C-alpha atoms as a PDB file:
ATOM      1  CA  MET A   1      17.492   6.059 -35.561  1.00  0.00           C
ATOM      2  CA  LEU A   2      15.066   7.230 -32.897  1.00  0.00           C
ATOM      3  CA  VAL A   3      13.965   3.643 -32.285  1.00  0.00           C
ATOM      4  CA  LEU A   4      17.585   2.650 -31.687  1.00  0.00           C
ATOM      5  CA  LEU A   5      17.969   5.581 -29.318  1.00  0.00           C
ATOM      6  CA  MET A   6      14.893   4.495 -27.352  1.00  0.00           C
ATOM      7  CA  GLY A   7      16.220   0.957 -27.118  1.00  0.00           C
ATOM      8  CA  GLY A   8      19.520   2.287 -25.823  1.00  0.00           C
ATOM      9  CA  ILE A   9      17.767   4.427 -23.219  1.00  0.00           C
ATOM     10  CA  VAL A  10      15.719   1.500 -21.900  1.00  0.00           C
ATOM     11  CA  ALA A  11      18.783  -0.772 -21.860  1.00  0.00           C
ATOM     12  CA  ASN A  12      20.864   1.799 -20.013  1.00  0.00           C
ATOM     13  CA  LEU A  13      18.043   2.462 -17.549  1.00  0.00           C
ATOM     14  CA  GLY A  14      18.036  -1.249 -16.774  1.00  0.00           C
ATOM     15  CA  ALA A  15      21.785  -1.161 -16.320  1.00  0.00           C
ATOM     16  CA  ALA A  16      21.387   1.742 -13.899  1.00  0.00           C
ATOM     17  CA  LEU A  17      18.982  -0.373 -11.807  1.00  0.00           C
ATOM     18  CA  VAL A  18      21.677  -3.020 -11.477  1.00  0.00           C
ATOM     19  CA  VAL A  19      24.704  -0.737 -11.097  1.00  0.00           C
ATOM     20  CA  GLY A  20      23.091   1.767  -8.710  1.00  0.00           C
ATOM     21  CA  PRO A  21      23.202  -0.367  -5.525  1.00  0.00           C
ATOM     22  CA  LEU A  22      26.739  -1.601  -6.285  1.00  0.00           C
ATOM     23  CA  GLY A  23      28.391   1.593  -5.104  1.00  0.00           C
ATOM     24  CA  GLY A  24      30.206  -0.388  -2.420  1.00  0.00           C
ATOM     25  CA  ARG A  25      31.922  -2.562  -5.026  1.00  0.00           C
ATOM     26  CA  ILE A  26      32.217   0.002  -7.832  1.00  0.00           C
ATOM     27  CA  PRO A  27      33.699   3.438  -7.070  1.00  0.00           C
ATOM     28  CA  PRO A  28      30.719   5.665  -6.161  1.00  0.00           C
ATOM     29  CA  GLY A  29      32.004   8.425  -8.416  1.00  0.00           C
ATOM     30  CA  LEU A  30      31.892   6.071 -11.396  1.00  0.00           C
ATOM     31  CA  VAL A  31      28.342   4.970 -10.538  1.00  0.00           C
ATOM     32  CA  ARG A  32      27.193   8.578 -10.244  1.00  0.00           C
ATOM     33  CA  ARG A  33      28.744   9.531 -13.578  1.00  0.00           C
ATOM     34  CA  TRP A  34      27.175   6.501 -15.273  1.00  0.00           C
ATOM     35  CA  CYS A  35      23.712   7.338 -13.967  1.00  0.00           C
ATOM     36  CA  ARG A  36      24.040  10.952 -15.072  1.00  0.00           C
ATOM     37  CA  TRP A  37      24.982   9.660 -18.510  1.00  0.00           C
ATOM     38  CA  VAL A  38      21.846   7.494 -18.619  1.00  0.00           C
ATOM     39  CA  VAL A  39      19.716  10.627 -18.232  1.00  0.00           C
ATOM     40  CA  ARG A  40      21.777  12.579 -20.737  1.00  0.00           C
ATOM     41  CA  ALA A  41      21.385   9.727 -23.228  1.00  0.00           C
ATOM     42  CA  ALA A  42      17.650  10.525 -23.184  1.00  0.00           C
ATOM     43  CA  GLY A  43      18.453  14.064 -24.295  1.00  0.00           C
ATOM     44  CA  VAL A  44      17.960  15.581 -20.833  1.00  0.00           C
ATOM     45  CA  ARG A  45      20.484  17.983 -19.341  1.00  0.00           C
ATOM     46  CA  VAL A  46      21.283  17.348 -15.674  1.00  0.00           C
ATOM     47  CA  ARG A  47      21.914  19.890 -12.941  1.00  0.00           C
ATOM     48  CA  ILE A  48      22.703  18.604  -9.447  1.00  0.00           C
ATOM     49  CA  ASP A  49      22.965  21.006  -6.532  1.00  0.00           C
ATOM     50  CA  GLY A  50      24.617  19.452  -3.480  1.00  0.00           C
ATOM     51  CA  GLY A  51      25.929  16.014  -2.637  1.00  0.00           C
ATOM     52  CA  VAL A  52      25.605  13.149  -0.161  1.00  0.00           C
ATOM     53  CA  PRO A  53      28.552  11.329   1.430  1.00  0.00           C
ATOM     54  CA  ALA A  54      28.911   7.609   0.781  1.00  0.00           C
ATOM     55  CA  GLY A  55      29.583   4.865   3.297  1.00  0.00           C
ATOM     56  CA  THR A  56      26.907   5.617   5.901  1.00  0.00           C
ATOM     57  CA  GLY A  57      23.334   4.412   6.294  1.00  0.00           C
ATOM     58  CA  LEU A  58      20.903   6.911   4.833  1.00  0.00           C
ATOM     59  CA  LEU A  59      17.238   7.031   3.849  1.00  0.00           C
ATOM     60  CA  LEU A  60      17.107   8.942   0.564  1.00  0.00           C
ATOM     61  CA  VAL A  61      13.627  10.334  -0.178  1.00  0.00           C
ATOM     62  CA  ALA A  62      12.338  12.392  -3.103  1.00  0.00           C
ATOM     63  CA  ASN A  63       9.209  13.542  -4.852  1.00  0.00           C
ATOM     64  CA  HIS A  64       8.305  11.225  -7.744  1.00  0.00           C
ATOM     65  CA  VAL A  65       7.665  12.375 -11.311  1.00  0.00           C
ATOM     66  CA  SER A  66       9.323  10.091 -13.863  1.00  0.00           C
ATOM     67  CA  TRP A  67      11.282   6.918 -14.542  1.00  0.00           C
ATOM     68  CA  LEU A  68      14.207   9.332 -14.880  1.00  0.00           C
ATOM     69  CA  ASP A  69      14.027   9.859 -11.103  1.00  0.00           C
ATOM     70  CA  ILE A  70      15.727   6.501 -10.466  1.00  0.00           C
ATOM     71  CA  PRO A  71      19.070   7.195 -12.212  1.00  0.00           C
ATOM     72  CA  LEU A  72      18.945  10.801 -10.970  1.00  0.00           C
ATOM     73  CA  LEU A  73      18.818   9.646  -7.336  1.00  0.00           C
ATOM     74  CA  ALA A  74      21.609   7.150  -8.016  1.00  0.00           C
ATOM     75  CA  ALA A  75      23.645  10.051  -9.436  1.00  0.00           C
ATOM     76  CA  VAL A  76      23.362  11.654  -5.988  1.00  0.00           C
ATOM     77  CA  ARG A  77      24.050   8.488  -3.970  1.00  0.00           C
ATOM     78  CA  PRO A  78      24.038   4.846  -5.149  1.00  0.00           C
ATOM     79  CA  ALA A  79      21.235   3.142  -3.213  1.00  0.00           C
ATOM     80  CA  ARG A  80      18.895   0.174  -3.000  1.00  0.00           C
ATOM     81  CA  MET A  81      15.459   1.054  -4.316  1.00  0.00           C
ATOM     82  CA  LEU A  82      12.176   0.320  -2.569  1.00  0.00           C
ATOM     83  CA  ALA A  83       9.876  -1.049  -5.288  1.00  0.00           C
ATOM     84  CA  LYS A  84       6.319  -2.347  -5.390  1.00  0.00           C
ATOM     85  CA  ALA A  85       6.060  -6.141  -5.424  1.00  0.00           C
ATOM     86  CA  GLU A  86       4.288  -6.225  -8.821  1.00  0.00           C
ATOM     87  CA  ILE A  87       7.522  -5.201 -10.531  1.00  0.00           C
ATOM     88  CA  ARG A  88       8.968  -8.650  -9.786  1.00  0.00           C
ATOM     89  CA  ALA A  89       6.670 -10.085 -12.479  1.00  0.00           C
ATOM     90  CA  TRP A  90       7.578  -7.549 -15.168  1.00  0.00           C
ATOM     91  CA  PRO A  91       9.534  -8.987 -18.120  1.00  0.00           C
ATOM     92  CA  VAL A  92      13.229  -8.029 -17.999  1.00  0.00           C
ATOM     93  CA  ALA A  93      12.651  -5.011 -15.736  1.00  0.00           C
ATOM     94  CA  GLY A  94      11.535  -7.253 -12.872  1.00  0.00           C
ATOM     95  CA  TRP A  95      14.681  -9.355 -13.094  1.00  0.00           C
ATOM     96  CA  LEU A  96      16.905  -6.286 -13.371  1.00  0.00           C
ATOM     97  CA  THR A  97      15.240  -4.616 -10.401  1.00  0.00           C
ATOM     98  CA  ALA A  98      15.635  -7.711  -8.219  1.00  0.00           C
ATOM     99  CA  ARG A  99      19.213  -8.197  -9.443  1.00  0.00           C
ATOM    100  CA  GLY A 100      19.940  -4.629  -8.425  1.00  0.00           C
ATOM    101  CA  GLY A 101      19.129  -5.408  -4.795  1.00  0.00           C
ATOM    102  CA  ALA A 102      15.715  -3.752  -4.638  1.00  0.00           C
ATOM    103  CA  LEU A 103      13.627  -4.111  -1.494  1.00  0.00           C
ATOM    104  CA  PHE A 104      10.072  -5.031  -2.462  1.00  0.00           C
ATOM    105  CA  VAL A 105       6.893  -3.954  -0.682  1.00  0.00           C
ATOM    106  CA  ASP A 106       3.526  -5.665  -1.155  1.00  0.00           C
ATOM    107  CA  ARG A 107       1.097  -2.774  -0.816  1.00  0.00           C
ATOM    108  CA  ASP A 108      -1.910  -5.119  -0.817  1.00  0.00           C
ATOM    109  CA  ARG A 109      -0.718  -7.067   2.232  1.00  0.00           C
ATOM    110  CA  ILE A 110      -0.806  -4.656   5.144  1.00  0.00           C
ATOM    111  CA  ARG A 111       0.296  -7.370   7.578  1.00  0.00           C
ATOM    112  CA  ALA A 112       3.566  -7.661   5.632  1.00  0.00           C
ATOM    113  CA  LEU A 113       4.419  -3.998   6.206  1.00  0.00           C
ATOM    114  CA  PRO A 114       6.299  -4.404   9.531  1.00  0.00           C
ATOM    115  CA  GLY A 115       8.523  -7.033   7.906  1.00  0.00           C
ATOM    116  CA  THR A 116       9.291  -4.692   5.011  1.00  0.00           C
ATOM    117  CA  VAL A 117      10.173  -1.886   7.416  1.00  0.00           C
ATOM    118  CA  ALA A 118      12.441  -4.288   9.321  1.00  0.00           C
ATOM    119  CA  ARG A 119      14.281  -5.227   6.102  1.00  0.00           C
ATOM    120  CA  ILE A 120      14.784  -1.564   5.218  1.00  0.00           C
ATOM    121  CA  ALA A 121      16.066  -0.855   8.739  1.00  0.00           C
ATOM    122  CA  GLY A 122      18.470  -3.788   8.441  1.00  0.00           C
ATOM    123  CA  ALA A 123      19.932  -2.417   5.217  1.00  0.00           C
ATOM    124  CA  LEU A 124      20.278   1.028   6.789  1.00  0.00           C
ATOM    125  CA  ARG A 125      22.034  -0.392   9.865  1.00  0.00           C
ATOM    126  CA  ALA A 126      24.475  -2.144   7.533  1.00  0.00           C
ATOM    127  CA  GLY A 127      25.538   1.252   6.198  1.00  0.00           C
ATOM    128  CA  GLU A 128      23.575   1.085   2.963  1.00  0.00           C
ATOM    129  CA  ALA A 129      21.514   3.850   1.412  1.00  0.00           C
ATOM    130  CA  VAL A 130      17.896   3.051   0.602  1.00  0.00           C
ATOM    131  CA  ALA A 131      16.049   5.239  -1.921  1.00  0.00           C
ATOM    132  CA  VAL A 132      12.297   5.703  -1.518  1.00  0.00           C
ATOM    133  CA  PHE A 133       9.568   7.725  -3.204  1.00  0.00           C
ATOM    134  CA  PRO A 134       7.211   8.124  -0.234  1.00  0.00           C
ATOM    135  CA  GLU A 135       4.298   9.431  -2.322  1.00  0.00           C
ATOM    136  CA  GLY A 136       3.794   5.847  -3.487  1.00  0.00           C
ATOM    137  CA  SER A 137       3.166   6.861  -7.115  1.00  0.00           C
ATOM    138  CA  THR A 138       4.313   9.364  -9.716  1.00  0.00           C
ATOM    139  CA  TRP A 139       2.858  12.853 -10.013  1.00  0.00           C
ATOM    140  CA  CYS A 140       2.844  15.307 -12.917  1.00  0.00           C
ATOM    141  CA  GLY A 141       5.611  17.484 -11.467  1.00  0.00           C
ATOM    142  CA  ARG A 142       3.447  20.566 -10.951  1.00  0.00           C
ATOM    143  CA  ALA A 143       1.638  18.969  -8.021  1.00  0.00           C
ATOM    144  CA  GLN A 144       2.916  16.674  -5.291  1.00  0.00           C
ATOM    145  CA  GLY A 145       1.362  13.952  -3.138  1.00  0.00           C
ATOM    146  CA  ARG A 146       1.545  13.378   0.614  1.00  0.00           C
ATOM    147  CA  PHE A 147       4.452  11.354   1.950  1.00  0.00           C
ATOM    148  CA  ARG A 148       3.387   8.023   3.458  1.00  0.00           C
ATOM    149  CA  ARG A 149       5.097   7.624   6.778  1.00  0.00           C
ATOM    150  CA  ALA A 150       5.770   3.898   7.215  1.00  0.00           C
ATOM    151  CA  VAL A 151       9.244   3.957   5.617  1.00  0.00           C
ATOM    152  CA  PHE A 152      10.366   6.704   7.986  1.00  0.00           C
ATOM    153  CA  GLN A 153       9.996   4.244  10.873  1.00  0.00           C
ATOM    154  CA  ALA A 154      12.891   2.309   9.346  1.00  0.00           C
ATOM    155  CA  ALA A 155      15.153   5.363   9.616  1.00  0.00           C
ATOM    156  CA  LEU A 156      14.095   5.847  13.239  1.00  0.00           C
ATOM    157  CA  ASP A 157      14.646   2.180  14.098  1.00  0.00           C
ATOM    158  CA  ALA A 158      18.077   2.146  12.424  1.00  0.00           C
ATOM    159  CA  GLY A 159      19.121   5.521  13.861  1.00  0.00           C
ATOM    160  CA  VAL A 160      20.086   7.045  10.506  1.00  0.00           C
ATOM    161  CA  PRO A 161      19.351  10.454   8.963  1.00  0.00           C
ATOM    162  CA  VAL A 162      16.883  11.177   6.183  1.00  0.00           C
ATOM    163  CA  GLN A 163      18.102  12.985   3.092  1.00  0.00           C
ATOM    164  CA  PRO A 164      15.352  14.844   1.173  1.00  0.00           C
ATOM    165  CA  VAL A 165      15.908  15.508  -2.523  1.00  0.00           C
ATOM    166  CA  ARG A 166      13.817  17.801  -4.714  1.00  0.00           C
ATOM    167  CA  LEU A 167      13.396  16.688  -8.355  1.00  0.00           C
ATOM    168  CA  ARG A 168      12.175  19.127 -10.986  1.00  0.00           C
ATOM    169  CA  TYR A 169      11.949  19.021 -14.775  1.00  0.00           C
ATOM    170  CA  ARG A 170      11.771  22.150 -16.866  1.00  0.00           C
ATOM    171  CA  LEU A 171      12.417  23.495 -20.336  1.00  0.00           C
ATOM    172  CA  ALA A 172      15.741  25.251 -20.879  1.00  0.00           C
ATOM    173  CA  GLY A 173      15.238  28.880 -19.980  1.00  0.00           C
ATOM    174  CA  GLY A 174      11.588  28.220 -19.186  1.00  0.00           C
ATOM    175  CA  PRO A 175       9.135  26.941 -16.592  1.00  0.00           C
ATOM    176  CA  SER A 176       8.474  23.481 -15.179  1.00  0.00           C
ATOM    177  CA  THR A 177       7.181  20.931 -17.679  1.00  0.00           C
ATOM    178  CA  THR A 178       5.122  17.751 -17.364  1.00  0.00           C
ATOM    179  CA  THR A 179       6.758  16.125 -20.422  1.00  0.00           C
ATOM    180  CA  PRO A 180       8.875  13.594 -18.429  1.00  0.00           C
ATOM    181  CA  ALA A 181       5.968  12.678 -16.112  1.00  0.00           C
ATOM    182  CA  PHE A 182       5.177   8.940 -16.113  1.00  0.00           C
ATOM    183  CA  VAL A 183       1.541   8.960 -15.033  1.00  0.00           C
ATOM    184  CA  GLY A 184      -1.933   7.647 -15.891  1.00  0.00           C
ATOM    185  CA  GLU A 185      -2.098   5.055 -18.652  1.00  0.00           C
ATOM    186  CA  ASP A 186       1.389   5.777 -19.993  1.00  0.00           C
ATOM    187  CA  SER A 187       3.523   2.801 -20.923  1.00  0.00           C
ATOM    188  CA  LEU A 188       7.265   3.028 -20.368  1.00  0.00           C
ATOM    189  CA  LEU A 189       7.945   3.108 -24.112  1.00  0.00           C
ATOM    190  CA  THR A 190       5.383   5.885 -24.622  1.00  0.00           C
ATOM    191  CA  SER A 191       7.027   7.946 -21.916  1.00  0.00           C
ATOM    192  CA  VAL A 192      10.533   7.259 -23.243  1.00  0.00           C
ATOM    193  CA  TRP A 193       9.377   8.316 -26.736  1.00  0.00           C
ATOM    194  CA  ARG A 194       7.941  11.572 -25.385  1.00  0.00           C
ATOM    195  CA  VAL A 195      11.175  12.375 -23.548  1.00  0.00           C
ATOM    196  CA  ALA A 196      13.437  11.374 -26.436  1.00  0.00           C
ATOM    197  CA  THR A 197      11.542  13.558 -28.926  1.00  0.00           C
ATOM    198  CA  ALA A 198      11.342  16.593 -26.635  1.00  0.00           C
ATOM    199  CA  ARG A 199      13.784  19.455 -26.961  1.00  0.00           C
ATOM    200  CA  GLY A 200      15.515  21.397 -24.228  1.00  0.00           C
ATOM    201  CA  LEU A 201      14.544  19.265 -21.217  1.00  0.00           C
ATOM    202  CA  VAL A 202      16.492  19.950 -18.027  1.00  0.00           C
ATOM    203  CA  ALA A 203      16.447  17.783 -14.890  1.00  0.00           C
ATOM    204  CA  GLU A 204      17.212  19.709 -11.715  1.00  0.00           C
ATOM    205  CA  VAL A 205      18.211  17.768  -8.607  1.00  0.00           C
ATOM    206  CA  GLU A 206      18.459  19.742  -5.387  1.00  0.00           C
ATOM    207  CA  VAL A 207      19.831  18.027  -2.280  1.00  0.00           C
ATOM    208  CA  ARG A 208      18.065  19.686   0.644  1.00  0.00           C
ATOM    209  CA  GLN A 209      19.192  19.911   4.289  1.00  0.00           C
ATOM    210  CA  VAL A 210      19.501  16.518   5.939  1.00  0.00           C
ATOM    211  CA  LEU A 211      16.919  15.593   8.587  1.00  0.00           C
ATOM    212  CA  VAL A 212      18.330  14.174  11.806  1.00  0.00           C
ATOM    213  CA  PRO A 213      15.495  13.180  14.172  1.00  0.00           C
ATOM    214  CA  GLY A 214      15.839  14.132  17.820  1.00  0.00           C
ATOM    215  CA  SER A 215      14.530  12.498  20.980  1.00  0.00           C
ATOM    216  CA  GLY A 216      10.841  11.722  20.771  1.00  0.00           C
ATOM    217  CA  THR A 217      10.581  12.246  17.008  1.00  0.00           C
ATOM    218  CA  ASP A 218       7.974   9.964  15.468  1.00  0.00           C
ATOM    219  CA  ARG A 219       7.467   8.848  11.873  1.00  0.00           C
ATOM    220  CA  ARG A 220       4.549  11.239  11.339  1.00  0.00           C
ATOM    221  CA  ALA A 221       6.667  14.300  12.163  1.00  0.00           C
ATOM    222  CA  LEU A 222       9.602  12.969  10.160  1.00  0.00           C
ATOM    223  CA  ALA A 223       7.441  12.284   7.085  1.00  0.00           C
ATOM    224  CA  ARG A 224       5.924  15.759   7.255  1.00  0.00           C
ATOM    225  CA  ALA A 225       9.343  17.386   7.587  1.00  0.00           C
ATOM    226  CA  ALA A 226      10.675  15.401   4.616  1.00  0.00           C
ATOM    227  CA  GLU A 227       7.623  16.269   2.524  1.00  0.00           C
ATOM    228  CA  ALA A 228       7.998  19.964   3.334  1.00  0.00           C
ATOM    229  CA  ALA A 229      11.708  19.787   2.493  1.00  0.00           C
ATOM    230  CA  THR A 230      10.962  18.554  -1.041  1.00  0.00           C
ATOM    231  CA  LEU A 231       8.506  21.336  -1.860  1.00  0.00           C
ATOM    232  CA  PRO A 232       9.518  24.191  -4.180  1.00  0.00           C
ATOM    233  CA  ARG A 233      11.299  26.964  -2.305  1.00  0.00           C
ATOM    234  CA  GLU A 234       8.437  29.383  -2.903  1.00  0.00           C
ATOM    235  CA  SER A 235       6.009  26.929  -1.231  1.00  0.00           C
ATOM    236  CA  GLN A 236       8.048  26.623   1.963  1.00  0.00           C
ATOM    237  CA  ALA A 237       7.177  29.988   3.491  1.00  0.00           C
ATOM    238  CA  GLY A 238       5.834  29.397   6.977  1.00  0.00           C
ATOM    239  CA  VAL A 239       6.703  25.684   6.904  1.00  0.00           C
ATOM    240  CA  PRO A 240       8.961  24.638   9.814  1.00  0.00           C
ATOM    241  CA  GLY A 241      12.411  23.797   8.511  1.00  0.00           C
ATOM    242  CA  PRO A 242      14.325  20.563   9.185  1.00  0.00           C
ATOM    243  CA  ARG A 243      16.280  20.142  12.389  1.00  0.00           C
ATOM    244  CA  PRO A 244      20.005  20.853  12.250  1.00  0.00           C
ATOM    245  CA  ALA A 245      22.380  17.954  12.699  1.00  0.00           C
ATOM    246  CA  ALA A 246      22.057  16.428  16.171  1.00  0.00           C
ATOM    247  CA  PRO A 247      22.578  13.054  17.865  1.00  0.00           C
ATOM    248  CA  LEU A 248      19.971  10.508  16.821  1.00  0.00           C
ATOM    249  CA  THR A 249      17.794   9.327  19.675  1.00  0.00           C
ATOM    250  CA  GLY A 250      14.268   8.047  20.018  1.00  0.00           C
ATOM    251  CA  ALA A 251      12.682   5.188  18.112  1.00  0.00           C
ATOM    252  CA  GLY A 252       9.338   6.859  17.468  1.00  0.00           C
ATOM    253  CA  GLU A 253       5.924   5.322  17.840  1.00  0.00           C
ATOM    254  CA  PRO A 254       5.540   1.534  17.277  1.00  0.00           C
ATOM    255  CA  LEU A 255       4.601   0.467  13.767  1.00  0.00           C
ATOM    256  CA  ALA A 256       1.112  -0.966  13.490  1.00  0.00           C
ATOM    257  CA  GLY A 257       0.172  -3.410  10.762  1.00  0.00           C
ATOM    258  CA  THR A 258      -2.786  -1.316   9.688  1.00  0.00           C
ATOM    259  CA  ARG A 259      -3.747   0.749   6.669  1.00  0.00           C
ATOM    260  CA  GLU A 260      -3.290   3.843   8.790  1.00  0.00           C
ATOM    261  CA  ALA A 261       0.420   3.152   8.834  1.00  0.00           C
ATOM    262  CA  LEU A 262       0.561   3.595   5.050  1.00  0.00           C
ATOM    263  CA  THR A 263      -1.089   6.988   4.962  1.00  0.00           C
ATOM    264  CA  ALA A 264       0.336  10.416   5.568  1.00  0.00           C
END
């Protein structure tokens, strides 16, 4: 029975990868409900605080803990995912990810980075949402990595806001847990098994205040503001808050095809 459940979770996760970016053709409310159901099918309760309007270009950024993060972000706003190029070669998952409209980035080819940023900016200008995990890899959930700033240039170039989202997993009535974390040498099936056999897991999704860059804002400042906005509330004391809504101006510093552009 548990094996069948795991198979259903993986299948539905794949479906979420395809359905997520189709919010323009499928009612967004239906997409969001479907993606919430995908997480619930894994035995995880979902709590979402806040929402994001559909129909406008938006860079959706979040801290990265688990494979569950993907349907959780789609439950907030259907979006095209930015994925590493290696996923293209994965059996089944690679095809599903590409079919879902993912934008791929080759992290080993620094010279290709400006082209990737241009493609993201093009999607944003077209009114699409693009979902990114700027840390570049998953973390355990009790610690968080630095946000790489290259993708924020796309938001500046397209003149769209950045929407930070804080993802947290905890035990019902208890503290944060690392159970859903997809890190180290974990395989997807190992991680799915650990989640499916856990009890009382809760996924908390908190939509933080939108970041609207002002004149002269560069990608470094925008990345730092987004990173700070996804920290736990208790860690934000003394950290400058995001700017209130304001007209978008300024294209930021030019993007260099160097390794420096990938770092925070």
